[in-house]
PDB file of N, CA and C in Angstrom:
ATOM      1  N   UNK A   1     -10.507   4.479  17.461  1.00  0.00           N
ATOM      2  CA  UNK A   1      -9.708   4.606  16.304  1.00  0.00           C
ATOM      3  C   UNK A   1      -9.136   5.889  16.007  1.00  0.00           C
ATOM      4  N   UNK A   2      -8.340   5.943  16.040  1.00  0.00           N
ATOM      5  CA  UNK A   2      -7.507   7.436  15.573  1.00  0.00           C
ATOM      6  C   UNK A   2      -7.917   7.898  14.522  1.00  0.00           C
ATOM      7  N   UNK A   3      -7.985   8.931  14.133  1.00  0.00           N
ATOM      8  CA  UNK A   3      -8.822   9.501  13.074  1.00  0.00           C
ATOM      9  C   UNK A   3      -8.043  10.628  12.497  1.00  0.00           C
ATOM     10  N   UNK A   4      -7.044  10.769  13.329  1.00  0.00           N
ATOM     11  CA  UNK A   4      -6.113  12.218  13.032  1.00  0.00           C
ATOM     12  C   UNK A   4      -4.993  12.163  12.219  1.00  0.00           C
ATOM     13  N   UNK A   5      -4.630  10.940  11.849  1.00  0.00           N
ATOM     14  CA  UNK A   5      -3.556  10.627  10.759  1.00  0.00           C
ATOM     15  C   UNK A   5      -3.837   9.877   9.800  1.00  0.00           C
ATOM     16  N   UNK A   6      -5.202   9.663   9.176  1.00  0.00           N
ATOM     17  CA  UNK A   6      -5.791   8.572   8.208  1.00  0.00           C
ATOM     18  C   UNK A   6      -4.519   8.300   7.317  1.00  0.00           C
ATOM     19  N   UNK A   7      -4.752   7.271   6.602  1.00  0.00           N
ATOM     20  CA  UNK A   7      -3.913   6.517   5.359  1.00  0.00           C
ATOM     21  C   UNK A   7      -4.889   6.520   4.485  1.00  0.00           C
ATOM     22  N   UNK A   8      -4.526   6.885   3.267  1.00  0.00           N
ATOM     23  CA  UNK A   8      -5.436   6.976   2.056  1.00  0.00           C
ATOM     24  C   UNK A   8      -5.113   5.772   1.418  1.00  0.00           C
ATOM     25  N   UNK A   9      -5.928   5.173   0.841  1.00  0.00           N
ATOM     26  CA  UNK A   9      -6.104   3.964   0.124  1.00  0.00           C
ATOM     27  C   UNK A   9      -5.232   4.329  -1.100  1.00  0.00           C
ATOM     28  N   UNK A  10      -3.904   3.629  -1.703  1.00  0.00           N
ATOM     29  CA  UNK A  10      -3.676   3.956  -2.691  1.00  0.00           C
ATOM     30  C   UNK A  10      -3.205   2.896  -3.652  1.00  0.00           C
ATOM     31  N   UNK A  11      -2.609   2.843  -5.203  1.00  0.00           N
ATOM     32  CA  UNK A  11      -2.420   1.902  -6.101  1.00  0.00           C
ATOM     33  C   UNK A  11      -1.006   2.661  -6.386  1.00  0.00           C
ATOM     34  N   UNK A  12      -0.380   1.625  -7.036  1.00  0.00           N
ATOM     35  CA  UNK A  12       1.062   2.029  -7.376  1.00  0.00           C
ATOM     36  C   UNK A  12       0.852   3.704  -8.619  1.00  0.00           C
ATOM     37  N   UNK A  13      -0.029   3.554  -9.019  1.00  0.00           N
ATOM     38  CA  UNK A  13      -0.175   5.068 -10.110  1.00  0.00           C
ATOM     39  C   UNK A  13      -0.469   6.588  -8.982  1.00  0.00           C
ATOM     40  N   UNK A  14      -1.179   5.846  -7.912  1.00  0.00           N
ATOM     41  CA  UNK A  14      -1.756   7.179  -6.921  1.00  0.00           C
ATOM     42  C   UNK A  14      -0.505   7.430  -5.967  1.00  0.00           C
ATOM     43  N   UNK A  15       0.610   6.519  -5.916  1.00  0.00           N
ATOM     44  CA  UNK A  15       1.543   7.037  -4.411  1.00  0.00           C
ATOM     45  C   UNK A  15       2.048   8.468  -4.731  1.00  0.00           C
ATOM     46  N   UNK A  16       2.631   8.934  -5.781  1.00  0.00           N
ATOM     47  CA  UNK A  16       3.204  10.261  -6.263  1.00  0.00           C
ATOM     48  C   UNK A  16       2.141  11.144  -5.736  1.00  0.00           C
ATOM     49  N   UNK A  17       0.843  11.029  -6.086  1.00  0.00           N
ATOM     50  CA  UNK A  17       0.106  12.026  -5.436  1.00  0.00           C
ATOM     51  C   UNK A  17       0.257  12.573  -4.021  1.00  0.00           C
ATOM     52  N   UNK A  18       0.804  11.598  -3.173  1.00  0.00           N
ATOM     53  CA  UNK A  18       0.745  11.483  -1.607  1.00  0.00           C
ATOM     54  C   UNK A  18       2.023  11.447  -0.951  1.00  0.00           C
ATOM     55  N   UNK A  19       3.055  11.972  -1.899  1.00  0.00           N
ATOM     56  CA  UNK A  19       4.510  12.000  -1.037  1.00  0.00           C
ATOM     57  C   UNK A  19       4.632  13.263   0.186  1.00  0.00           C
ATOM     58  N   UNK A  20       4.773  12.022   1.410  1.00  0.00           N
ATOM     59  CA  UNK A  20       5.129  12.812   2.524  1.00  0.00           C
ATOM     60  C   UNK A  20       3.842  12.629   3.320  1.00  0.00           C
ATOM     61  N   UNK A  21       2.620  11.501   2.849  1.00  0.00           N
ATOM     62  CA  UNK A  21       1.301  11.338   3.397  1.00  0.00           C
ATOM     63  C   UNK A  21       1.480  10.015   3.620  1.00  0.00           C
ATOM     64  N   UNK A  22       0.535   9.653   4.809  1.00  0.00           N
ATOM     65  CA  UNK A  22       0.343   8.357   5.207  1.00  0.00           C
ATOM     66  C   UNK A  22      -0.519   7.467   4.096  1.00  0.00           C
ATOM     67  N   UNK A  23      -0.161   6.540   3.642  1.00  0.00           N
ATOM     68  CA  UNK A  23      -1.030   5.839   2.585  1.00  0.00           C
ATOM     69  C   UNK A  23      -1.173   4.498   3.167  1.00  0.00           C
ATOM     70  N   UNK A  24      -2.017   3.630   2.340  1.00  0.00           N
ATOM     71  CA  UNK A  24      -2.095   2.481   2.876  1.00  0.00           C
ATOM     72  C   UNK A  24      -2.396   1.755   1.407  1.00  0.00           C
ATOM     73  N   UNK A  25      -1.243   0.715   0.932  1.00  0.00           N
ATOM     74  CA  UNK A  25      -1.919  -0.278  -0.438  1.00  0.00           C
ATOM     75  C   UNK A  25      -1.599  -1.634  -0.025  1.00  0.00           C
ATOM     76  N   UNK A  26      -2.314  -2.281  -1.114  1.00  0.00           N
ATOM     77  CA  UNK A  26      -2.338  -3.816  -0.751  1.00  0.00           C
ATOM     78  C   UNK A  26      -1.158  -4.297  -2.144  1.00  0.00           C
ATOM     79  N   UNK A  27       0.190  -4.820  -1.777  1.00  0.00           N
ATOM     80  CA  UNK A  27       0.906  -5.453  -2.782  1.00  0.00           C
ATOM     81  C   UNK A  27       0.538  -6.910  -3.018  1.00  0.00           C
ATOM     82  N   UNK A  28       1.392  -7.519  -4.191  1.00  0.00           N
ATOM     83  CA  UNK A  28       1.617  -8.932  -4.685  1.00  0.00           C
ATOM     84  C   UNK A  28       3.204  -8.989  -4.184  1.00  0.00           C
ATOM     85  N   UNK A  29       3.696 -10.081  -3.018  1.00  0.00           N
ATOM     86  CA  UNK A  29       4.882 -10.102  -3.075  1.00  0.00           C
ATOM     87  C   UNK A  29       5.954 -10.442  -3.979  1.00  0.00           C
ATOM     88  N   UNK A  30       6.566 -10.071  -4.601  1.00  0.00           N
ATOM     89  CA  UNK A  30       7.342 -10.571  -5.318  1.00  0.00           C
ATOM     90  C   UNK A  30       8.927 -11.057  -5.062  1.00  0.00           C
ATOM     91  N   UNK A  31       9.443 -10.397  -4.019  1.00  0.00           N
ATOM     92  CA  UNK A  31      10.800 -10.391  -3.552  1.00  0.00           C
ATOM     93  C   UNK A  31      10.554  -9.967  -2.144  1.00  0.00           C
ATOM     94  N   UNK A  32      11.439 -10.524  -1.052  1.00  0.00           N
ATOM     95  CA  UNK A  32      11.606  -9.764  -0.045  1.00  0.00           C
ATOM     96  C   UNK A  32      12.975 -10.011   0.774  1.00  0.00           C
ATOM     97  N   UNK A  33      13.466  -9.229   1.244  1.00  0.00           N
ATOM     98  CA  UNK A  33      15.252  -9.577   1.649  1.00  0.00           C
ATOM     99  C   UNK A  33      15.340  -8.528   2.708  1.00  0.00           C
ATOM    100  N   UNK A  34      16.392  -8.581   3.447  1.00  0.00           N
ATOM    101  CA  UNK A  34      16.726  -7.524   4.808  1.00  0.00           C
ATOM    102  C   UNK A  34      16.693  -5.909   4.366  1.00  0.00           C
ATOM    103  N   UNK A  35      16.400  -5.743   2.922  1.00  0.00           N
ATOM    104  CA  UNK A  35      16.795  -4.373   2.524  1.00  0.00           C
ATOM    105  C   UNK A  35      15.125  -3.843   2.750  1.00  0.00           C
ATOM    106  N   UNK A  36      14.072  -4.740   1.866  1.00  0.00           N
ATOM    107  CA  UNK A  36      12.902  -4.144   1.578  1.00  0.00           C
ATOM    108  C   UNK A  36      12.220  -5.377   1.069  1.00  0.00           C
ATOM    109  N   UNK A  37      10.782  -5.023   0.714  1.00  0.00           N
ATOM    110  CA  UNK A  37      10.138  -5.972  -0.075  1.00  0.00           C
ATOM    111  C   UNK A  37       9.458  -4.907  -1.413  1.00  0.00           C
ATOM    112  N   UNK A  38       9.610  -5.881  -2.339  1.00  0.00           N
ATOM    113  CA  UNK A  38       9.479  -5.302  -3.798  1.00  0.00           C
ATOM    114  C   UNK A  38       7.894  -6.134  -4.471  1.00  0.00           C
ATOM    115  N   UNK A  39       7.224  -5.545  -4.634  1.00  0.00           N
ATOM    116  CA  UNK A  39       6.056  -6.220  -4.720  1.00  0.00           C
ATOM    117  C   UNK A  39       5.234  -5.240  -5.824  1.00  0.00           C
ATOM    118  N   UNK A  40       3.762  -5.971  -6.537  1.00  0.00           N
ATOM    119  CA  UNK A  40       3.156  -5.817  -7.479  1.00  0.00           C
ATOM    120  C   UNK A  40       2.048  -5.369  -6.654  1.00  0.00           C
ATOM    121  N   UNK A  41       1.524  -3.589  -7.376  1.00  0.00           N
ATOM    122  CA  UNK A  41       0.435  -3.159  -6.734  1.00  0.00           C
ATOM    123  C   UNK A  41      -0.772  -3.748  -7.564  1.00  0.00           C
ATOM    124  N   UNK A  42      -2.084  -3.434  -6.960  1.00  0.00           N
ATOM    125  CA  UNK A  42      -3.373  -3.618  -7.523  1.00  0.00           C
ATOM    126  C   UNK A  42      -3.296  -3.462  -9.057  1.00  0.00           C
ATOM    127  N   UNK A  43      -2.844  -2.379  -9.517  1.00  0.00           N
ATOM    128  CA  UNK A  43      -2.567  -1.726 -10.812  1.00  0.00           C
ATOM    129  C   UNK A  43      -1.559  -2.559 -11.750  1.00  0.00           C
ATOM    130  N   UNK A  44      -0.911  -3.047 -10.810  1.00  0.00           N
ATOM    131  CA  UNK A  44       0.092  -3.875 -11.982  1.00  0.00           C
ATOM    132  C   UNK A  44       1.610  -3.374 -11.980  1.00  0.00           C
ATOM    133  N   UNK A  45       1.413  -2.057 -11.143  1.00  0.00           N
ATOM    134  CA  UNK A  45       2.989  -1.603 -10.861  1.00  0.00           C
ATOM    135  C   UNK A  45       3.739  -1.891  -9.931  1.00  0.00           C
ATOM    136  N   UNK A  46       5.359  -1.992 -10.184  1.00  0.00           N
ATOM    137  CA  UNK A  46       6.100  -2.283  -8.894  1.00  0.00           C
ATOM    138  C   UNK A  46       6.549  -1.355  -7.807  1.00  0.00           C
ATOM    139  N   UNK A  47       6.327  -1.756  -6.948  1.00  0.00           N
ATOM    140  CA  UNK A  47       6.545  -0.593  -5.768  1.00  0.00           C
ATOM    141  C   UNK A  47       7.453  -1.707  -4.708  1.00  0.00           C
ATOM    142  N   UNK A  48       8.110  -0.462  -4.279  1.00  0.00           N
ATOM    143  CA  UNK A  48       9.310  -0.774  -3.250  1.00  0.00           C
ATOM    144  C   UNK A  48       9.120  -0.761  -1.981  1.00  0.00           C
ATOM    145  N   UNK A  49       8.992  -0.923  -1.012  1.00  0.00           N
ATOM    146  CA  UNK A  49       8.506  -0.733   0.195  1.00  0.00           C
ATOM    147  C   UNK A  49       9.835  -1.048   1.019  1.00  0.00           C
ATOM    148  N   UNK A  50      10.344  -0.172   2.117  1.00  0.00           N
ATOM    149  CA  UNK A  50      11.504  -0.118   2.728  1.00  0.00           C
ATOM    150  C   UNK A  50      11.305   0.256   4.284  1.00  0.00           C
ATOM    151  N   UNK A  51      11.764   0.405   5.156  1.00  0.00           N
ATOM    152  CA  UNK A  51      11.313   1.068   6.712  1.00  0.00           C
ATOM    153  C   UNK A  51      11.684  -0.221   7.535  1.00  0.00           C
ATOM    154  N   UNK A  52      10.567  -0.259   8.245  1.00  0.00           N
ATOM    155  CA  UNK A  52       9.954  -1.436   9.044  1.00  0.00           C
ATOM    156  C   UNK A  52       9.765  -2.739   8.585  1.00  0.00           C
ATOM    157  N   UNK A  53      10.625  -3.406   8.450  1.00  0.00           N
ATOM    158  CA  UNK A  53      10.032  -4.978   7.947  1.00  0.00           C
ATOM    159  C   UNK A  53       9.420  -5.619   8.786  1.00  0.00           C
ATOM    160  N   UNK A  54       8.578  -6.415   8.291  1.00  0.00           N
ATOM    161  CA  UNK A  54       7.601  -7.378   9.220  1.00  0.00           C
ATOM    162  C   UNK A  54       8.435  -8.486  10.087  1.00  0.00           C
ATOM    163  N   UNK A  55       8.118  -8.608  11.318  1.00  0.00           N
ATOM    164  CA  UNK A  55       8.573 -10.012  12.150  1.00  0.00           C
ATOM    165  C   UNK A  55       8.061 -11.082  11.579  1.00  0.00           C
ATOM    166  N   UNK A  56       7.477 -11.225  10.956  1.00  0.00           N
ATOM    167  CA  UNK A  56       6.735 -12.736  10.679  1.00  0.00           C
ATOM    168  C   UNK A  56       6.693 -12.852   8.911  1.00  0.00           C
ATOM    169  N   UNK A  57       6.355 -14.413   8.589  1.00  0.00           N
ATOM    170  CA  UNK A  57       6.440 -14.788   7.330  1.00  0.00           C
ATOM    171  C   UNK A  57       5.173 -13.819   6.843  1.00  0.00           C
ATOM    172  N   UNK A  58       5.713 -13.385   5.185  1.00  0.00           N
ATOM    173  CA  UNK A  58       4.852 -12.658   4.401  1.00  0.00           C
ATOM    174  C   UNK A  58       3.893 -13.542   3.656  1.00  0.00           C
ATOM    175  N   UNK A  59       2.729 -13.451   3.615  1.00  0.00           N
ATOM    176  CA  UNK A  59       1.601 -13.983   2.358  1.00  0.00           C
ATOM    177  C   UNK A  59       1.976 -13.850   1.356  1.00  0.00           C
ATOM    178  N   UNK A  60       1.190 -14.096  -0.016  1.00  0.00           N
ATOM    179  CA  UNK A  60       1.289 -13.556  -0.904  1.00  0.00           C
ATOM    180  C   UNK A  60       1.129 -12.182  -0.891  1.00  0.00           C
ATOM    181  N   UNK A  61      -0.226 -11.919  -0.597  1.00  0.00           N
ATOM    182  CA  UNK A  61      -0.489 -10.753  -0.508  1.00  0.00           C
ATOM    183  C   UNK A  61      -0.628  -9.908   0.814  1.00  0.00           C
ATOM    184  N   UNK A  62      -0.204  -8.853   0.851  1.00  0.00           N
ATOM    185  CA  UNK A  62      -0.135  -7.796   2.263  1.00  0.00           C
ATOM    186  C   UNK A  62      -0.549  -6.545   1.820  1.00  0.00           C
ATOM    187  N   UNK A  63      -0.809  -5.844   2.713  1.00  0.00           N
ATOM    188  CA  UNK A  63      -1.139  -4.694   2.722  1.00  0.00           C
ATOM    189  C   UNK A  63      -0.086  -3.927   3.611  1.00  0.00           C
ATOM    190  N   UNK A  64       0.308  -2.675   3.285  1.00  0.00           N
ATOM    191  CA  UNK A  64       1.582  -1.885   3.857  1.00  0.00           C
ATOM    192  C   UNK A  64       0.781  -0.678   4.262  1.00  0.00           C
ATOM    193  N   UNK A  65       1.017   0.090   5.704  1.00  0.00           N
ATOM    194  CA  UNK A  65       0.672   1.139   6.011  1.00  0.00           C
ATOM    195  C   UNK A  65       2.110   2.003   6.114  1.00  0.00           C
ATOM    196  N   UNK A  66       2.025   3.166   5.310  1.00  0.00           N
ATOM    197  CA  UNK A  66       3.391   4.185   5.735  1.00  0.00           C
ATOM    198  C   UNK A  66       3.276   5.309   5.113  1.00  0.00           C
ATOM    199  N   UNK A  67       4.602   6.097   4.901  1.00  0.00           N
ATOM    200  CA  UNK A  67       4.738   6.954   4.366  1.00  0.00           C
ATOM    201  C   UNK A  67       4.966   6.996   2.992  1.00  0.00           C
ATOM    202  N   UNK A  68       4.552   7.934   2.135  1.00  0.00           N
ATOM    203  CA  UNK A  68       4.801   7.664   0.542  1.00  0.00           C
ATOM    204  C   UNK A  68       6.167   8.444   0.244  1.00  0.00           C
ATOM    205  N   UNK A  69       7.026   7.587  -0.193  1.00  0.00           N
ATOM    206  CA  UNK A  69       8.616   8.532  -0.385  1.00  0.00           C
ATOM    207  C   UNK A  69       8.285   8.939  -1.607  1.00  0.00           C
ATOM    208  N   UNK A  70       7.302   8.733  -2.892  1.00  0.00           N
ATOM    209  CA  UNK A  70       7.745   9.212  -4.038  1.00  0.00           C
ATOM    210  C   UNK A  70       7.044   8.053  -4.695  1.00  0.00           C
ATOM    211  N   UNK A  71       7.398   8.081  -5.952  1.00  0.00           N
ATOM    212  CA  UNK A  71       7.130   7.573  -7.067  1.00  0.00           C
ATOM    213  C   UNK A  71       7.382   6.386  -6.839  1.00  0.00           C
ATOM    214  N   UNK A  72       6.003   5.020  -6.365  1.00  0.00           N
ATOM    215  CA  UNK A  72       6.142   3.769  -6.296  1.00  0.00           C
ATOM    216  C   UNK A  72       6.959   3.272  -5.310  1.00  0.00           C
ATOM    217  N   UNK A  73       7.060   4.018  -3.985  1.00  0.00           N
ATOM    218  CA  UNK A  73       7.930   3.625  -2.774  1.00  0.00           C
ATOM    219  C   UNK A  73       7.090   4.142  -1.781  1.00  0.00           C
ATOM    220  N   UNK A  74       7.383   3.515  -0.536  1.00  0.00           N
ATOM    221  CA  UNK A  74       6.769   3.118   0.839  1.00  0.00           C
ATOM    222  C   UNK A  74       7.469   3.058   1.485  1.00  0.00           C
ATOM    223  N   UNK A  75       7.644   3.763   2.679  1.00  0.00           N
ATOM    224  CA  UNK A  75       8.291   3.775   3.760  1.00  0.00           C
ATOM    225  C   UNK A  75       7.523   2.806   4.740  1.00  0.00           C
ATOM    226  N   UNK A  76       7.637   1.712   5.369  1.00  0.00           N
ATOM    227  CA  UNK A  76       6.295   0.984   5.861  1.00  0.00           C
ATOM    228  C   UNK A  76       6.456   1.462   7.437  1.00  0.00           C
ATOM    229  N   UNK A  77       5.347   1.535   7.929  1.00  0.00           N
ATOM    230  CA  UNK A  77       5.095   1.690   9.741  1.00  0.00           C
ATOM    231  C   UNK A  77       4.208   0.085  10.089  1.00  0.00           C
ATOM    232  N   UNK A  78       3.487  -0.275   9.472  1.00  0.00           N
ATOM    233  CA  UNK A  78       2.905  -1.528   9.797  1.00  0.00           C
ATOM    234  C   UNK A  78       2.510  -2.406   8.393  1.00  0.00           C
ATOM    235  N   UNK A  79       2.441  -3.370   8.569  1.00  0.00           N
ATOM    236  CA  UNK A  79       2.088  -5.035   7.802  1.00  0.00           C
ATOM    237  C   UNK A  79       0.724  -5.608   8.397  1.00  0.00           C
ATOM    238  N   UNK A  80       0.318  -5.791   7.219  1.00  0.00           N
ATOM    239  CA  UNK A  80      -0.737  -6.864   7.606  1.00  0.00           C
ATOM    240  C   UNK A  80      -1.078  -8.046   6.821  1.00  0.00           C
ATOM    241  N   UNK A  81      -0.822  -9.237   6.599  1.00  0.00           N
ATOM    242  CA  UNK A  81      -1.145 -10.191   5.499  1.00  0.00           C
ATOM    243  C   UNK A  81      -2.762 -10.364   5.255  1.00  0.00           C
ATOM    244  N   UNK A  82      -2.731 -10.745   4.005  1.00  0.00           N
ATOM    245  CA  UNK A  82      -4.175 -10.569   3.497  1.00  0.00           C
ATOM    246  C   UNK A  82      -4.098 -11.897   2.532  1.00  0.00           C
ATOM    247  N   UNK A  83      -3.329 -12.906   3.020  1.00  0.00           N
ATOM    248  CA  UNK A  83      -3.464 -14.074   2.604  1.00  0.00           C
ATOM    249  C   UNK A  83      -3.030 -14.205   1.173  1.00  0.00           C
ATOM    250  N   UNK A  84      -3.360 -15.595   0.456  1.00  0.00           N
ATOM    251  CA  UNK A  84      -2.532 -15.720  -0.704  1.00  0.00           C
ATOM    252  C   UNK A  84      -3.530 -15.411  -2.048  1.00  0.00           C
ATOM    253  N   UNK A  85      -4.941 -15.431  -1.825  1.00  0.00           N
ATOM    254  CA  UNK A  85      -5.409 -14.778  -2.679  1.00  0.00           C
ATOM    255  C   UNK A  85      -6.474 -13.783  -2.536  1.00  0.00           C
ATOM    256  N   UNK A  86      -6.323 -12.779  -3.387  1.00  0.00           N
ATOM    257  CA  UNK A  86      -6.839 -11.393  -3.186  1.00  0.00           C
ATOM    258  C   UNK A  86      -7.242 -10.847  -4.589  1.00  0.00           C
ATOM    259  N   UNK A  87      -8.669  -9.993  -4.145  1.00  0.00           N
ATOM    260  CA  UNK A  87      -8.957  -9.466  -5.311  1.00  0.00           C
ATOM    261  C   UNK A  87      -8.740  -7.890  -5.855  1.00  0.00           C
ATOM    262  N   UNK A  88      -7.518  -8.346  -6.709  1.00  0.00           N
ATOM    263  CA  UNK A  88      -6.765  -7.000  -6.698  1.00  0.00           C
ATOM    264  C   UNK A  88      -7.721  -5.758  -7.484  1.00  0.00           C
ATOM    265  N   UNK A  89      -8.668  -6.268  -8.204  1.00  0.00           N
ATOM    266  CA  UNK A  89      -9.655  -5.825  -9.491  1.00  0.00           C
ATOM    267  C   UNK A  89     -10.483  -4.487  -8.226  1.00  0.00           C
ATOM    268  N   UNK A  90     -10.798  -5.024  -7.459  1.00  0.00           N
ATOM    269  CA  UNK A  90     -12.118  -4.634  -6.341  1.00  0.00           C
ATOM    270  C   UNK A  90     -11.243  -3.619  -5.584  1.00  0.00           C
ATOM    271  N   UNK A  91     -10.025  -4.034  -5.282  1.00  0.00           N
ATOM    272  CA  UNK A  91      -9.084  -2.978  -4.422  1.00  0.00           C
ATOM    273  C   UNK A  91      -8.667  -2.066  -5.024  1.00  0.00           C
ATOM    274  N   UNK A  92      -8.284  -2.101  -6.499  1.00  0.00           N
ATOM    275  CA  UNK A  92      -7.809  -1.147  -7.195  1.00  0.00           C
ATOM    276  C   UNK A  92      -8.771  -0.059  -7.603  1.00  0.00           C
ATOM    277  N   UNK A  93     -10.420  -0.440  -7.460  1.00  0.00           N
ATOM    278  CA  UNK A  93     -11.322   0.491  -8.106  1.00  0.00           C
ATOM    279  C   UNK A  93     -11.429   1.016  -6.904  1.00  0.00           C
ATOM    280  N   UNK A  94     -11.662   0.583  -5.465  1.00  0.00           N
ATOM    281  CA  UNK A  94     -11.644   1.402  -4.033  1.00  0.00           C
ATOM    282  C   UNK A  94     -10.419   2.479  -4.230  1.00  0.00           C
ATOM    283  N   UNK A  95      -9.249   1.787  -4.519  1.00  0.00           N
ATOM    284  CA  UNK A  95      -8.532   3.049  -4.552  1.00  0.00           C
ATOM    285  C   UNK A  95      -8.792   4.202  -5.276  1.00  0.00           C
ATOM    286  N   UNK A  96      -9.342   4.164  -6.756  1.00  0.00           N
ATOM    287  CA  UNK A  96      -9.804   5.126  -7.561  1.00  0.00           C
ATOM    288  C   UNK A  96     -10.950   5.881  -6.814  1.00  0.00           C
ATOM    289  N   UNK A  97     -11.819   5.521  -6.350  1.00  0.00           N
ATOM    290  CA  UNK A  97     -12.986   6.187  -5.630  1.00  0.00           C
ATOM    291  C   UNK A  97     -12.371   6.886  -4.382  1.00  0.00           C
ATOM    292  N   UNK A  98     -11.603   6.193  -3.595  1.00  0.00           N
ATOM    293  CA  UNK A  98     -10.952   6.829  -2.674  1.00  0.00           C
ATOM    294  C   UNK A  98     -10.296   8.192  -2.806  1.00  0.00           C
ATOM    295  N   UNK A  99      -9.760   8.446  -4.112  1.00  0.00           N
ATOM    296  CA  UNK A  99      -8.985   9.482  -4.687  1.00  0.00           C
ATOM    297  C   UNK A  99      -9.843  10.222  -5.616  1.00  0.00           C
ATOM    298  N   UNK A 100     -10.893  10.172  -5.960  1.00  0.00           N
ATOM    299  CA  UNK A 100     -11.659  10.436  -6.578  1.00  0.00           C
ATOM    300  C   UNK A 100     -12.709  11.251  -6.604  1.00  0.00           C
ATOM    301  N   UNK A 101     -14.288  11.488  -6.725  1.00  0.00           N
ATOM    302  CA  UNK A 101     -15.170  12.318  -6.593  1.00  0.00           C
ATOM    303  C   UNK A 101     -15.858  12.044  -5.365  1.00  0.00           C
ATOM    304  N   UNK A 102     -15.574  10.470  -4.973  1.00  0.00           N
ATOM    305  CA  UNK A 102     -16.163  10.340  -3.446  1.00  0.00           C
ATOM    306  C   UNK A 102     -15.127  10.337  -2.417  1.00  0.00           C
ATOM    307  N   UNK A 103     -13.686  10.685  -2.525  1.00  0.00           N
ATOM    308  CA  UNK A 103     -12.724  10.862  -1.263  1.00  0.00           C
ATOM    309  C   UNK A 103     -12.970  11.394  -0.278  1.00  0.00           C
ATOM    310  N   UNK A 104     -14.272  12.609  -0.127  1.00  0.00           N
ATOM    311  CA  UNK A 104     -14.860  12.679   1.065  1.00  0.00           C
ATOM    312  C   UNK A 104     -15.139  11.722   1.712  1.00  0.00           C
ATOM    313  N   UNK A 105     -15.633  10.451   1.290  1.00  0.00           N
ATOM    314  CA  UNK A 105     -16.324   9.560   2.145  1.00  0.00           C
ATOM    315  C   UNK A 105     -15.572   8.740   2.579  1.00  0.00           C
ATOM    316  N   UNK A 106     -14.031   8.730   2.304  1.00  0.00           N
ATOM    317  CA  UNK A 106     -12.869   7.710   2.842  1.00  0.00           C
ATOM    318  C   UNK A 106     -11.779   8.859   3.918  1.00  0.00           C
ATOM    319  N   UNK A 107     -11.865  10.244   3.871  1.00  0.00           N
ATOM    320  CA  UNK A 107     -10.914  10.630   4.666  1.00  0.00           C
ATOM    321  C   UNK A 107     -12.169  11.859   5.594  1.00  0.00           C
TER     322      UNK A 107
END
């Protein structure tokens, strides 16, 4: 496993803290087209994902790994389907822990 460039767990609210850095987020897909994917982050905020688009059909929930482009925007490098049901509350708590007092455990 390559740990030289880790991706920080984020939700929509935390994206602005990591502009230019590699992040990973789970979103609920709202819309997908040739330009990008619009989704709802685990904290309920809208996130736009552009860049490399997946070559496979998306499930309801997807994980995207890429570079934070700013407030609620990610330039995708990698996509993973997470299925049609997902516990967004637990993931949102994970994001808070990974960016709070326990972030040393995650990076």
